[in-house]
C-alpha atoms as a PDB file:
ATOM      1  CA  MET A   1     133.169 186.233  88.255  1.00  0.00           C
ATOM      2  CA  SER A   2     136.371 184.532  89.938  1.00  0.00           C
ATOM      3  CA  ALA A   3     139.516 183.582  86.872  1.00  0.00           C
ATOM      4  CA  LYS A   4     139.807 179.766  86.326  1.00  0.00           C
ATOM      5  CA  LEU A   5     142.827 179.814  85.518  1.00  0.00           C
ATOM      6  CA  VAL A   6     145.246 180.174  88.360  1.00  0.00           C
ATOM      7  CA  VAL A   7     148.616 181.137  87.650  1.00  0.00           C
ATOM      8  CA  TYR A   8     150.774 179.952  91.880  1.00  0.00           C
ATOM      9  CA  PRO A   9     153.536 180.967  93.226  1.00  0.00           C
ATOM     10  CA  PRO A  10     156.976 180.613  91.713  1.00  0.00           C
ATOM     11  CA  ASP A  11     159.328 178.054  93.082  1.00  0.00           C
ATOM     12  CA  GLU A  12     163.365 178.068  93.637  1.00  0.00           C
ATOM     13  CA  ASN A  13     163.348 177.971  89.790  1.00  0.00           C
ATOM     14  CA  GLY A  14     161.726 180.225  88.720  1.00  0.00           C
ATOM     15  CA  ARG A  15     158.356 177.968  87.189  1.00  0.00           C
ATOM     16  CA  ARG A  16     154.521 178.294  88.401  1.00  0.00           C
ATOM     17  CA  ARG A  17     152.696 175.562  88.664  1.00  0.00           C
ATOM     18  CA  VAL A  18     148.697 176.134  86.724  1.00  0.00           C
ATOM     19  CA  ARG A  19     146.060 175.131  86.321  1.00  0.00           C
ATOM     20  CA  TYR A  20     142.187 175.702  85.017  1.00  0.00           C
ATOM     21  CA  GLU A  21     139.433 174.872  86.344  1.00  0.00           C
ATOM     22  CA  GLY A  22     141.091 173.163  89.538  1.00  0.00           C
ATOM     23  CA  SER A  23     143.269 170.307  87.512  1.00  0.00           C
ATOM     24  CA  ASP A  24     146.511 171.057  87.092  1.00  0.00           C
ATOM     25  CA  VAL A  25     147.239 171.951  83.424  1.00  0.00           C
ATOM     26  CA  GLY A  26     151.207 172.439  83.661  1.00  0.00           C
ATOM     27  CA  VAL A  27     153.947 173.843  85.083  1.00  0.00           C
ATOM     28  CA  ALA A  28     154.669 177.361  83.176  1.00  0.00           C
ATOM     29  CA  GLN A  29     158.379 179.038  82.874  1.00  0.00           C
ATOM     30  CA  ARG A  30     157.145 182.150  81.188  1.00  0.00           C
ATOM     31  CA  PRO A  31     154.113 184.061  80.301  1.00  0.00           C
ATOM     32  CA  SER A  32     153.428 182.232  76.584  1.00  0.00           C
ATOM     33  CA  ASP A  33     153.020 178.763  78.329  1.00  0.00           C
ATOM     34  CA  VAL A  34     149.554 179.780  80.424  1.00  0.00           C
ATOM     35  CA  ALA A  35     147.941 180.724  77.358  1.00  0.00           C
ATOM     36  CA  ALA A  36     149.480 177.441  75.608  1.00  0.00           C
ATOM     37  CA  PHE A  37     148.360 175.258  78.609  1.00  0.00           C
ATOM     38  CA  ALA A  38     145.213 177.689  78.329  1.00  0.00           C
ATOM     39  CA  ALA A  39     144.770 176.320  75.026  1.00  0.00           C
ATOM     40  CA  ALA A  40     145.441 172.149  75.217  1.00  0.00           C
ATOM     41  CA  ALA A  41     143.046 172.469  77.750  1.00  0.00           C
ATOM     42  CA  GLY A  42     140.594 173.972  76.537  1.00  0.00           C
ATOM     43  CA  ARG A  43     139.801 176.790  77.096  1.00  0.00           C
ATOM     44  CA  THR A  44     137.871 179.073  74.932  1.00  0.00           C
ATOM     45  CA  GLY A  45     139.184 181.566  72.825  1.00  0.00           C
ATOM     46  CA  ALA A  46     142.529 180.768  74.768  1.00  0.00           C
ATOM     47  CA  GLU A  47     144.315 182.432  72.015  1.00  0.00           C
ATOM     48  CA  ASP A  48     143.720 185.682  72.561  1.00  0.00           C
ATOM     49  CA  LEU A  49     143.671 185.501  76.685  1.00  0.00           C
ATOM     50  CA  ASP A  50     144.520 188.099  78.106  1.00  0.00           C
ATOM     51  CA  LEU A  51     147.061 188.046  80.753  1.00  0.00           C
ATOM     52  CA  THR A  52     147.003 190.383  82.755  1.00  0.00           C
ATOM     53  CA  ASP A  53     143.070 190.769  82.942  1.00  0.00           C
ATOM     54  CA  PRO A  54     141.907 189.314  86.355  1.00  0.00           C
ATOM     55  CA  ARG A  55     139.042 188.083  85.150  1.00  0.00           C
ATOM     56  CA  CYS A  56     140.691 185.661  82.827  1.00  0.00           C
ATOM     57  CA  VAL A  57     143.829 185.009  85.266  1.00  0.00           C
ATOM     58  CA  GLU A  58     144.532 184.429  89.147  1.00  0.00           C
ATOM     59  CA  TRP A  59     148.298 184.833  89.667  1.00  0.00           C
ATOM     60  CA  ARG A  60     149.184 184.761  93.287  1.00  0.00           C
ATOM     61  CA  GLY A  61     152.924 185.277  94.539  1.00  0.00           C
ATOM     62  CA  GLY A  62     153.401 188.340  91.414  1.00  0.00           C
ATOM     63  CA  GLY A  63     152.193 188.375  87.982  1.00  0.00           C
ATOM     64  CA  PRO A  64     152.744 187.893  84.405  1.00  0.00           C
ATOM     65  CA  GLU A  65     156.083 189.829  85.122  1.00  0.00           C
ATOM     66  CA  THR A  66     157.172 187.667  87.814  1.00  0.00           C
ATOM     67  CA  TRP A  67     159.274 184.523  87.184  1.00  0.00           C
ATOM     68  CA  ALA A  68     162.104 184.027  90.420  1.00  0.00           C
ATOM     69  CA  GLU A  69     161.134 183.800  93.506  1.00  0.00           C
ATOM     70  CA  GLU A  70     162.273 186.640  95.543  1.00  0.00           C
ATOM     71  CA  PRO A  71     165.113 185.808  98.350  1.00  0.00           C
END
């Protein structure tokens, strides 16, 4: 099963687009934003979301520690 929450690579300002079930839910500036967007989008159990679990979150262009684009 693929993750329904997808975090895209950081832009030039370190912000990352977040999609849940195929819909844009926000632009994150930090890991806590990802969980907040998931909760706002109605994801069950968002308060206990393990951001490092690939079954929960698909990180593209770096994991939860990556927020600035590499030069």
